[in-house]
Amino acid sequence: MEITFYGATKEVTGSKHLVTINGVNIMLDYGMHQGKRSVATELNKRIPVNPKNIDFLILSHAHIDHSGLLPLLVKNGYKNRIFTTKATKDLIDIMLRDSGHIQEMDVEYINRKKAKRGEPLVEALYTVSDAEDVMPLVHGVKYYEKVKLTDDIAFTFFDAGHILGSAQLLLEYQENGTIKKLLFTGDLGRQNLPIIRDPDIIEKVDTMISESTYGGRLHGDITDVSARFKEIILRTYKRGGKIVIPSFSVGRTQEVVYELNKLVESGEVPVMPVYVDSPLSVNATDVFRKHRECFDDETWELINNHDDPFGFKRLTYIRDVEESKKLNESNKPCIIISASGMCEAGRIRHHLKHNISDKKNTIMIVGYMARNTLGRRIREGEKEVKIFGEVYPVNAEVVIFDEFSAHGDQRDLVKHIKSASPKELFLVHGEETQIEALQAKVIETVETTTHIPDYGESFKL
C-alpha cells in the first residue's frame, strides 16, 4: 500500500489523500483549500492526480474543506463512483450547488471591475451546473455496511460524531495474503455533542490517518455550554445590543439553535428575536430533520415529547436577501446566526460590517477560524479589520466559545489513537503547532510510529 497526501498537510483545509492498494487508486476526500483568497484560489486550481486515474472516491463528510472540489474533479474527467453516507449525500447536494453559486457571483463581481480596467476576465472554479453533475456519481451508504470495492478491498463507515452524516472510514484489504486495516478519521467529533451520536471507537488497525485540528488544546466542558451561553445573552441584552454569531451552515448552526431552544423554552433568557440568516443553513436544517437515524438519545427524547430541536417561537429562518438587510436597520436586541463560519463569504460579512464597531454588541466566535481569514483576525483580537475593502474598528465584545467545537481536543484524539493502536500513524488536518503538540503527546502515550506528511509526500507501507 502507498499513501500520498495532497491536502490538509500542516494545515486545516483541503483534505485529499490518495491510497493505492494493489494498483487500485482510492481518493479519500477531495476538499477545498480555505484561507487567504489569492493563495486559496491557486491551490484549488491544482489537480494533483489525473481524475481518470482515480478508481474510487470515498468522502468522510460534507464540509467544504473535505468535499468542495468534487465538481472540479468531475468537470475534469472523473466518472467513477463517490461513496459517502446517506446524510452526507443529501448535504453535499445543497452545499456544492451553494458553493458553485457563490463562485459564480464572486467572478461576476470581479469581472465587472476587470472589464472597467481593461484587464483579462477570470472564470469560476466551477458553476452550479458543474456541482449538479457530481450527484449522479454519489452512492449513499449506511453506517456499518461493508462495501466491497474489489475482490481484496472493502470499506465500512463508522460514526465520526462530527456533523450529521460524518464518518470514519475503515478500509480493509488483503496484501501478500494478509488482511490489513487502515482507519481514516475524517474530522473526529467529541463525546456528548448535542444532536448527533458520539464517535465510534475503532480498535486495532495497522495504519491510521488522524485529524489534528485541536491537537494541542483542551476544550471546556460541553456540559457548561448552556450556562455560559446564558451569561453572554444576558450581558448583551442588558447593554441593548445584538449578538452576531458567524457559524458554519452545517452542524454548528443547528447546535447553536439547539442550545438556544433549551434556554428559550425554559424561560432562562429574555424574550428576544433569533434569526438564522443563511439560505444554506435553512436547507441544511431541512436535511437534519430528514436524517433522524443520526440523532442521539437526548434529541430523540425531545422529538418524542413533540419538541422541535431546530425551531421555537422566537426563531426565524431567513432566505430572502431583503429580509436579511432589514436585520441591520433595527437597533433592538436580537441574535443573528449567519454564514459563512470563517467570515470569508456570505451574509455574515454584512452583519459584521454593521455591528462590529458598536460596543453594545457581541461577536460570538463558535468555531475554528483558518489562518488569513476575517474570522481569525477577529478571534485573535485585532483592533481593526477590513470588510469589503473598508476598515472598521472592533469595538464590539468578542467572545471565544470553543465549547461548541465539533472537533475532538487533544484528550479525545489521544484516546482514539490509543484505542486504534496503529503501527503507523499519520497526523493531518491541523496547523503545524497543533500537529506537533499532538505528536508529542502520542509519543508519550501510544506505541506507534508517527508521521507528519508534507504536501505531495508519499509513503510505502
Protein backbone atom coordinates (compact mmCIF):
# COMPACT_ATOMS: atom_id res chain seq x y z
CA MET A 1 0.00 0.00 0.00
CA GLU A 2 1.06 3.55 -0.73
CA ILE A 3 -0.44 6.80 0.66
CA THR A 4 0.15 10.20 -0.94
CA PHE A 5 -1.04 13.38 0.80
CA TYR A 6 -2.36 16.19 -1.41
CA GLY A 7 -4.02 18.43 1.17
CA ALA A 8 -4.62 19.21 4.84
CA THR A 9 -0.88 18.74 5.39
CA LYS A 10 0.31 21.02 8.22
CA GLU A 11 -2.90 22.99 7.67
CA VAL A 12 -6.59 22.51 8.40
CA THR A 13 -8.27 22.70 4.99
CA GLY A 14 -8.12 20.97 1.61
CA SER A 15 -8.38 17.33 2.71
CA LYS A 16 -7.14 14.98 -0.09
CA HIS A 17 -5.36 11.67 0.44
CA LEU A 18 -4.66 9.08 -2.25
CA VAL A 19 -4.39 5.44 -1.16
CA THR A 20 -3.06 2.91 -3.68
CA ILE A 21 -3.61 -0.78 -2.95
CA ASN A 22 -2.65 -3.49 -5.43
CA GLY A 23 -2.79 -0.95 -8.24
CA VAL A 24 -6.23 0.43 -7.23
CA ASN A 25 -6.33 4.20 -6.60
CA ILE A 26 -8.74 5.33 -3.86
CA MET A 27 -9.07 9.05 -3.08
CA LEU A 28 -10.14 9.92 0.47
CA ASP A 29 -11.97 13.28 0.37
CA TYR A 30 -11.47 16.00 -2.23
CA GLY A 31 -11.75 19.22 -0.27
CA MET A 32 -11.35 22.91 -0.95
CA HIS A 33 -8.50 24.95 0.49
CA GLN A 34 -9.78 27.89 2.55
CA GLY A 35 -7.78 30.89 3.71
CA LYS A 36 -6.18 33.91 2.03
CA ARG A 37 -8.10 34.23 -1.21
CA SER A 38 -5.21 34.65 -3.65
CA VAL A 39 -3.37 31.64 -2.19
CA ALA A 40 -6.52 29.52 -1.85
CA THR A 41 -7.53 30.17 -5.47
CA GLU A 42 -4.19 28.95 -6.81
CA LEU A 43 -4.18 25.87 -4.57
CA ASN A 44 -7.74 24.97 -5.54
CA LYS A 45 -6.92 25.14 -9.26
CA ARG A 46 -4.34 22.38 -8.85
CA ILE A 47 -5.40 18.90 -9.90
CA PRO A 48 -2.61 16.78 -8.42
CA VAL A 49 -3.84 13.45 -9.80
CA ASN A 50 -5.33 12.78 -13.22
CA PRO A 51 -9.03 12.32 -12.37
CA LYS A 52 -9.27 9.50 -14.92
CA ASN A 53 -6.69 7.52 -12.94
CA ILE A 54 -8.76 7.51 -9.72
CA ASP A 55 -10.81 4.32 -9.37
CA PHE A 56 -12.94 5.23 -6.34
CA LEU A 57 -13.54 8.28 -4.15
CA ILE A 58 -14.72 7.96 -0.55
CA LEU A 59 -15.99 11.09 1.22
CA SER A 60 -15.86 11.38 5.02
CA HIS A 61 -18.37 14.24 5.42
CA ALA A 62 -19.97 17.27 3.80
CA HIS A 63 -17.89 20.23 5.00
CA ILE A 64 -16.48 22.14 2.03
CA ASP A 65 -12.85 21.66 3.10
CA HIS A 66 -13.46 17.92 2.56
CA SER A 67 -15.93 17.91 -0.35
CA GLY A 68 -15.70 21.29 -2.03
CA LEU A 69 -13.60 20.38 -5.09
CA LEU A 70 -15.64 17.37 -6.19
CA PRO A 71 -17.25 19.42 -9.01
CA LEU A 72 -13.81 20.38 -10.33
CA LEU A 73 -12.71 16.73 -10.25
CA VAL A 74 -15.80 15.61 -12.17
CA LYS A 75 -15.52 18.55 -14.58
CA ASN A 76 -12.01 17.35 -15.42
CA GLY A 77 -12.91 13.76 -16.15
CA TYR A 78 -13.67 11.78 -13.01
CA LYS A 79 -16.54 9.40 -13.88
CA ASN A 80 -16.37 6.69 -11.20
CA ARG A 81 -18.36 6.19 -8.01
CA ILE A 82 -18.27 8.52 -4.99
CA PHE A 83 -19.19 6.78 -1.74
CA THR A 84 -20.45 8.58 1.35
CA THR A 85 -23.18 8.23 3.99
CA LYS A 86 -26.80 8.84 3.08
CA ALA A 87 -27.00 12.04 5.15
CA THR A 88 -23.79 13.39 3.62
CA LYS A 89 -25.15 12.69 0.14
CA ASP A 90 -28.15 14.93 0.87
CA LEU A 91 -25.98 17.63 2.42
CA ILE A 92 -23.48 17.88 -0.44
CA ASP A 93 -26.38 18.11 -2.88
CA ILE A 94 -27.23 21.53 -1.42
CA MET A 95 -23.73 22.56 -0.32
CA LEU A 96 -21.93 22.06 -3.63
CA ARG A 97 -24.64 23.92 -5.54
CA ASP A 98 -24.38 26.75 -2.99
CA SER A 99 -20.59 26.78 -3.42
CA GLY A 100 -20.95 26.95 -7.20
CA HIS A 101 -23.41 29.84 -6.88
CA ILE A 102 -21.05 31.79 -4.62
CA GLN A 103 -18.20 31.32 -7.08
CA GLU A 104 -20.35 32.46 -10.00
CA MET A 105 -21.36 35.59 -8.07
CA ASP A 106 -17.78 36.33 -6.98
CA VAL A 107 -16.47 36.01 -10.53
CA GLU A 108 -19.26 38.22 -11.87
CA TYR A 109 -18.30 40.93 -9.34
CA ILE A 110 -14.56 40.60 -10.09
CA ASN A 111 -15.08 40.66 -13.85
CA ARG A 112 -17.14 43.87 -13.70
CA LYS A 113 -14.13 45.57 -12.12
CA LYS A 114 -11.66 43.94 -14.52
CA ALA A 115 -13.74 44.93 -17.55
CA LYS A 116 -13.66 48.59 -16.45
CA ARG A 117 -9.86 48.39 -16.17
CA GLY A 118 -9.47 46.53 -19.44
CA GLU A 119 -7.94 43.52 -17.70
CA PRO A 120 -8.39 39.85 -18.72
CA LEU A 121 -11.51 38.27 -17.24
CA VAL A 122 -11.42 35.25 -14.92
CA GLU A 123 -13.52 32.07 -14.80
CA ALA A 124 -15.26 30.46 -11.85
CA LEU A 125 -13.56 27.39 -10.46
CA TYR A 126 -16.86 25.64 -11.12
CA THR A 127 -20.51 26.53 -11.55
CA VAL A 128 -23.86 25.38 -10.18
CA SER A 129 -24.20 23.16 -13.26
CA ASP A 130 -20.80 21.56 -12.54
CA ALA A 131 -21.92 20.88 -8.96
CA GLU A 132 -25.10 19.21 -10.18
CA ASP A 133 -23.01 16.88 -12.38
CA VAL A 134 -21.47 15.35 -9.24
CA MET A 135 -24.65 13.90 -7.78
CA PRO A 136 -25.31 11.05 -10.27
CA LEU A 137 -21.95 9.58 -9.20
CA VAL A 138 -22.71 9.70 -5.46
CA HIS A 139 -23.78 6.49 -3.71
CA GLY A 140 -25.24 6.77 -0.21
CA VAL A 141 -24.10 4.01 2.15
CA LYS A 142 -25.43 3.06 5.58
CA TYR A 143 -23.20 3.15 8.64
CA TYR A 144 -21.70 -0.28 9.47
CA GLU A 145 -22.49 -1.69 5.99
CA LYS A 146 -19.38 -3.32 4.48
CA VAL A 147 -18.93 -2.29 0.83
CA LYS A 148 -16.75 -4.37 -1.44
CA LEU A 149 -14.70 -2.33 -3.93
CA THR A 150 -12.68 -5.22 -5.41
CA ASP A 151 -12.12 -8.86 -4.54
CA ASP A 152 -9.50 -7.86 -1.97
CA ILE A 153 -10.57 -4.33 -0.86
CA ALA A 154 -13.64 -3.33 1.19
CA PHE A 155 -14.63 -0.43 3.44
CA THR A 156 -17.07 0.33 6.27
CA PHE A 157 -18.35 3.67 7.59
CA PHE A 158 -18.37 4.23 11.35
CA ASP A 159 -19.79 7.32 13.08
CA ALA A 160 -17.30 10.17 13.48
CA GLY A 161 -19.62 12.25 15.70
CA HIS A 162 -18.53 15.50 14.00
CA ILE A 163 -21.57 16.66 11.99
CA LEU A 164 -24.66 14.98 10.58
CA GLY A 165 -23.53 12.09 8.38
CA SER A 166 -19.84 12.37 9.26
CA ALA A 167 -17.95 9.09 9.08
CA GLN A 168 -14.73 7.40 9.91
CA LEU A 169 -13.59 5.10 7.14
CA LEU A 170 -12.23 1.64 7.92
CA LEU A 171 -10.54 0.27 4.81
CA GLU A 172 -9.79 -3.47 4.88
CA TYR A 173 -7.58 -5.03 2.24
CA GLN A 174 -5.63 -8.16 1.50
CA GLU A 175 -1.96 -7.73 0.73
CA ASN A 176 0.52 -10.59 0.36
CA GLY A 177 -2.04 -13.00 1.79
CA THR A 178 -2.65 -10.91 4.94
CA ILE A 179 -5.76 -8.88 5.88
CA LYS A 180 -4.79 -5.33 6.90
CA LYS A 181 -6.78 -2.33 8.15
CA LEU A 182 -6.46 1.41 7.52
CA LEU A 183 -8.53 3.89 9.56
CA PHE A 184 -9.19 7.42 8.27
CA THR A 185 -10.88 9.53 10.96
CA GLY A 186 -12.10 12.32 8.69
CA ASP A 187 -12.97 15.02 11.22
CA LEU A 188 -13.46 13.44 14.62
CA GLY A 189 -16.10 14.79 16.99
CA ARG A 190 -16.43 14.93 20.76
CA GLN A 191 -18.31 12.96 23.35
CA ASN A 192 -21.72 14.39 24.37
CA LEU A 193 -22.12 16.85 21.49
CA PRO A 194 -25.77 17.83 21.03
CA ILE A 195 -27.99 16.26 18.36
CA ILE A 196 -25.69 13.60 16.88
CA ARG A 197 -24.26 10.36 18.23
CA ASP A 198 -20.82 10.10 19.82
CA PRO A 199 -17.84 8.90 17.74
CA ASP A 200 -17.45 5.15 17.42
CA ILE A 201 -14.31 3.63 18.91
CA ILE A 202 -12.28 1.54 16.43
CA GLU A 203 -9.77 -0.93 17.80
CA LYS A 204 -6.56 -2.46 16.46
CA VAL A 205 -5.70 -1.19 12.99
CA ASP A 206 -2.44 -1.31 11.05
CA THR A 207 -2.45 2.25 9.72
CA MET A 208 -4.30 5.37 10.84
CA ILE A 209 -4.75 8.82 9.29
CA SER A 210 -5.96 11.15 12.04
CA GLU A 211 -7.08 14.75 12.06
CA SER A 212 -5.26 17.09 14.47
CA THR A 213 -7.23 20.36 14.43
CA TYR A 214 -7.07 20.80 18.22
CA GLY A 215 -4.11 18.51 18.82
CA GLY A 216 -2.57 20.92 21.30
CA ARG A 217 -5.70 22.23 23.03
CA LEU A 218 -8.21 21.15 25.64
CA HIS A 219 -11.85 22.23 25.29
CA GLY A 220 -14.08 23.45 28.08
CA ASP A 221 -16.68 21.06 29.41
CA ILE A 222 -19.52 20.60 26.90
CA THR A 223 -21.98 20.44 29.82
CA ASP A 224 -21.15 24.11 30.65
CA VAL A 225 -22.40 25.37 27.27
CA SER A 226 -25.89 26.41 28.36
CA ALA A 227 -24.71 28.29 31.47
CA ARG A 228 -22.05 30.24 29.58
CA PHE A 229 -24.33 30.95 26.62
CA LYS A 230 -26.94 32.28 29.05
CA GLU A 231 -24.39 34.66 30.63
CA ILE A 232 -23.43 36.09 27.22
CA ILE A 233 -27.06 36.60 26.21
CA LEU A 234 -27.97 38.33 29.49
CA ARG A 235 -24.88 40.57 29.39
CA THR A 236 -25.52 41.71 25.82
CA TYR A 237 -29.27 42.15 26.39
CA LYS A 238 -28.62 44.48 29.33
CA ARG A 239 -26.46 46.65 27.05
CA GLY A 240 -29.27 46.73 24.48
CA GLY A 241 -27.03 45.06 21.93
CA LYS A 242 -27.09 42.33 19.31
CA ILE A 243 -25.26 39.01 19.36
CA VAL A 244 -23.77 38.19 15.94
CA ILE A 245 -22.64 34.57 15.53
CA PRO A 246 -20.61 33.56 12.45
CA SER A 247 -21.49 29.91 12.03
CA PHE A 248 -20.99 27.04 9.63
CA SER A 249 -24.28 26.27 7.91
CA VAL A 250 -23.97 22.55 8.55
CA GLY A 251 -23.53 21.35 12.11
CA ARG A 252 -22.65 24.45 14.10
CA THR A 253 -25.79 26.42 13.22
CA GLN A 254 -28.02 23.53 14.25
CA GLU A 255 -26.10 23.05 17.52
CA VAL A 256 -26.39 26.75 18.43
CA VAL A 257 -30.14 26.68 17.67
CA TYR A 258 -30.48 23.50 19.76
CA GLU A 259 -28.92 25.20 22.81
CA LEU A 260 -30.98 28.37 22.28
CA ASN A 261 -34.10 26.25 22.09
CA LYS A 262 -33.42 24.87 25.57
CA LEU A 263 -32.73 28.31 27.06
CA VAL A 264 -35.78 29.92 25.45
CA GLU A 265 -38.21 27.10 26.26
CA SER A 266 -37.07 27.06 29.91
CA GLY A 267 -37.51 30.84 30.22
CA GLU A 268 -33.87 31.38 31.26
CA VAL A 269 -33.20 34.18 28.77
CA PRO A 270 -35.21 37.32 27.89
CA VAL A 271 -37.71 37.27 25.06
CA MET A 272 -35.77 38.45 22.00
CA PRO A 273 -35.83 37.57 18.31
CA VAL A 274 -33.40 34.93 16.99
CA TYR A 275 -32.58 34.85 13.27
CA VAL A 276 -30.81 32.20 11.21
CA ASP A 277 -29.79 34.25 8.18
CA SER A 278 -28.41 31.85 5.60
CA PRO A 279 -30.31 30.08 2.82
CA LEU A 280 -27.86 27.18 3.05
CA SER A 281 -28.43 26.87 6.80
CA VAL A 282 -32.17 26.72 6.22
CA ASN A 283 -31.78 23.98 3.61
CA ALA A 284 -29.28 22.09 5.77
CA THR A 285 -31.68 22.17 8.72
CA ASP A 286 -34.28 20.51 6.49
CA VAL A 287 -31.75 17.73 5.82
CA PHE A 288 -31.18 17.38 9.57
CA ARG A 289 -34.90 16.85 10.10
CA LYS A 290 -34.87 14.15 7.42
CA HIS A 291 -31.99 12.10 8.85
CA ARG A 292 -33.10 11.21 12.35
CA GLU A 293 -31.09 7.98 12.19
CA CYS A 294 -28.06 10.11 13.11
CA PHE A 295 -29.58 11.59 16.29
CA ASP A 296 -28.52 10.77 19.85
CA ASP A 297 -30.86 9.69 22.66
CA GLU A 298 -31.32 13.22 24.06
CA THR A 299 -32.52 14.56 20.72
CA TRP A 300 -34.89 11.62 20.28
CA GLU A 301 -36.34 12.37 23.71
CA LEU A 302 -37.11 15.95 22.62
CA ILE A 303 -38.75 14.70 19.43
CA ASN A 304 -40.79 12.12 21.31
CA ASN A 305 -42.02 14.92 23.58
CA HIS A 306 -43.19 16.80 20.45
CA ASP A 307 -40.45 19.43 20.71
CA ASP A 308 -38.67 20.61 17.54
CA PRO A 309 -34.94 20.90 18.40
CA PHE A 310 -34.42 23.18 15.40
CA GLY A 311 -37.27 25.62 15.89
CA PHE A 312 -39.03 27.63 18.60
CA LYS A 313 -41.41 30.55 18.86
CA ARG A 314 -38.89 33.40 18.63
CA LEU A 315 -36.79 31.80 15.87
CA THR A 316 -36.99 32.98 12.26
CA TYR A 317 -35.21 31.34 9.34
CA ILE A 318 -34.39 33.86 6.62
CA ARG A 319 -33.89 33.11 2.92
CA ASP A 320 -34.74 36.45 1.29
CA VAL A 321 -31.90 38.96 0.90
CA GLU A 322 -34.17 41.94 1.58
CA GLU A 323 -35.22 40.44 4.92
CA SER A 324 -31.54 39.96 5.70
CA LYS A 325 -30.81 43.64 5.06
CA LYS A 326 -33.63 44.70 7.40
CA LEU A 327 -31.88 43.00 10.34
CA ASN A 328 -29.24 45.72 10.26
CA GLU A 329 -31.80 48.52 10.24
CA SER A 330 -33.10 47.58 13.70
CA ASN A 331 -31.33 48.62 16.92
CA LYS A 332 -33.29 46.25 19.16
CA PRO A 333 -31.56 43.34 20.93
CA CYS A 334 -31.54 40.16 18.88
CA ILE A 335 -29.38 37.17 17.98
CA ILE A 336 -28.19 36.76 14.38
CA ILE A 337 -26.65 33.44 13.29
CA SER A 338 -25.20 33.71 9.81
CA ALA A 339 -22.77 32.02 7.40
CA SER A 340 -20.01 31.62 6.43
CA GLY A 341 -18.33 30.25 9.51
CA MET A 342 -14.92 31.81 8.82
CA CYS A 343 -16.46 35.16 7.72
CA GLU A 344 -14.96 34.93 4.25
CA ALA A 345 -18.19 34.91 2.25
CA GLY A 346 -21.94 35.17 2.56
CA ARG A 347 -24.22 37.42 4.60
CA ILE A 348 -22.15 37.34 7.80
CA ARG A 349 -19.79 39.96 6.36
CA HIS A 350 -22.69 42.41 6.01
CA HIS A 351 -23.78 41.80 9.61
CA LEU A 352 -20.21 42.30 10.85
CA LYS A 353 -19.87 45.48 8.83
CA HIS A 354 -22.97 46.96 10.51
CA ASN A 355 -22.39 45.68 14.05
CA ILE A 356 -18.69 45.16 14.81
CA SER A 357 -17.99 48.79 15.72
CA ASP A 358 -20.80 49.17 18.29
CA LYS A 359 -19.65 48.45 21.85
CA LYS A 360 -23.15 47.34 22.85
CA ASN A 361 -22.88 44.31 20.56
CA THR A 362 -21.21 40.93 20.94
CA ILE A 363 -19.43 38.93 18.24
CA MET A 364 -19.52 35.29 19.36
CA ILE A 365 -16.89 33.01 17.79
CA VAL A 366 -18.15 29.42 17.95
CA GLY A 367 -15.89 27.57 15.50
CA TYR A 368 -12.44 27.11 14.05
CA MET A 369 -11.05 30.01 12.01
CA ALA A 370 -8.35 29.20 9.47
CA ARG A 371 -5.27 31.38 9.06
CA ASN A 372 -5.64 34.52 6.95
CA THR A 373 -9.44 34.69 7.30
CA LEU A 374 -11.51 37.59 8.62
CA GLY A 375 -12.79 35.31 11.38
CA ARG A 376 -9.24 34.51 12.50
CA ARG A 377 -8.35 38.21 12.70
CA ILE A 378 -11.40 38.89 14.87
CA ARG A 379 -10.65 35.86 17.03
CA GLU A 380 -7.05 36.99 17.60
CA GLY A 381 -8.18 40.37 18.88
CA GLU A 382 -7.22 42.73 16.08
CA LYS A 383 -8.48 46.24 16.84
CA GLU A 384 -9.39 47.00 13.23
CA VAL A 385 -10.49 44.71 10.40
CA LYS A 386 -11.12 45.21 6.71
CA ILE A 387 -14.58 44.26 5.41
CA PHE A 388 -15.48 44.82 1.74
CA GLY A 389 -12.31 46.89 1.40
CA GLU A 390 -13.20 49.30 4.23
CA VAL A 391 -11.56 49.40 7.68
CA TYR A 392 -13.82 49.04 10.74
CA PRO A 393 -12.80 49.37 14.41
CA VAL A 394 -13.61 46.31 16.51
CA ASN A 395 -15.47 47.89 19.43
CA ALA A 396 -17.97 45.07 19.99
CA GLU A 397 -17.23 42.50 22.68
CA VAL A 398 -15.60 39.43 21.11
CA VAL A 399 -16.35 36.15 22.89
CA ILE A 400 -14.46 32.94 22.07
CA PHE A 401 -16.77 29.99 22.61
CA ASP A 402 -14.76 26.86 21.84
CA GLU A 403 -17.17 24.73 23.87
CA PHE A 404 -19.26 24.47 20.70
CA SER A 405 -16.36 22.96 18.77
CA ALA A 406 -17.30 19.82 16.86
CA HIS A 407 -13.66 18.66 16.77
CA GLY A 408 -12.18 16.44 19.42
CA ASP A 409 -9.44 18.02 21.55
CA GLN A 410 -6.08 16.53 22.49
CA ARG A 411 -7.60 14.18 25.08
CA ASP A 412 -10.20 12.90 22.60
CA LEU A 413 -7.65 12.39 19.84
CA VAL A 414 -5.09 10.60 22.01
CA LYS A 415 -7.79 8.32 23.41
CA HIS A 416 -8.96 7.48 19.90
CA ILE A 417 -5.44 6.79 18.67
CA LYS A 418 -4.67 4.66 21.71
CA SER A 419 -7.77 2.51 21.09
CA ALA A 420 -6.84 2.03 17.44
CA SER A 421 -3.20 1.29 18.39
CA PRO A 422 -1.89 1.66 14.81
CA LYS A 423 1.58 0.55 13.80
CA GLU A 424 1.85 3.65 11.57
CA LEU A 425 0.10 6.95 12.38
CA PHE A 426 -0.20 9.92 10.00
CA LEU A 427 -1.26 13.27 11.50
CA VAL A 428 -3.07 15.65 9.13
CA HIS A 429 -5.70 18.40 9.17
CA GLY A 430 -4.04 20.66 11.73
CA GLU A 431 -1.75 23.66 11.83
CA GLU A 432 1.85 22.63 12.40
CA THR A 433 1.94 23.67 16.06
CA GLN A 434 -1.19 21.63 16.81
CA ILE A 435 0.09 18.56 14.96
CA GLU A 436 3.46 18.70 16.73
CA ALA A 437 1.78 19.04 20.12
CA LEU A 438 -0.40 16.01 19.38
CA GLN A 439 2.58 14.03 18.13
CA ALA A 440 4.49 14.74 21.36
CA LYS A 441 1.55 13.57 23.47
CA VAL A 442 1.05 10.44 21.35
CA ILE A 443 4.71 9.52 21.71
CA GLU A 444 4.28 9.67 25.50
CA THR A 445 1.15 7.51 25.44
CA VAL A 446 0.98 5.17 22.44
CA GLU A 447 3.49 2.75 20.96
CA THR A 448 3.33 3.75 17.30
CA THR A 449 5.42 5.34 14.56
CA THR A 450 4.13 8.83 13.80
CA HIS A 451 4.47 10.83 10.58
CA ILE A 452 3.66 14.45 9.77
CA PRO A 453 3.44 14.43 5.96
CA ASP A 454 4.26 17.31 3.65
CA TYR A 455 2.18 18.21 0.61
CA GLY A 456 2.69 15.61 -2.12
CA GLU A 457 4.69 13.28 0.12
CA SER A 458 4.22 9.53 -0.44
CA PHE A 459 4.70 6.65 1.98
CA LYS A 460 5.02 2.98 1.01
CA LEU A 461 3.82 0.64 3.76
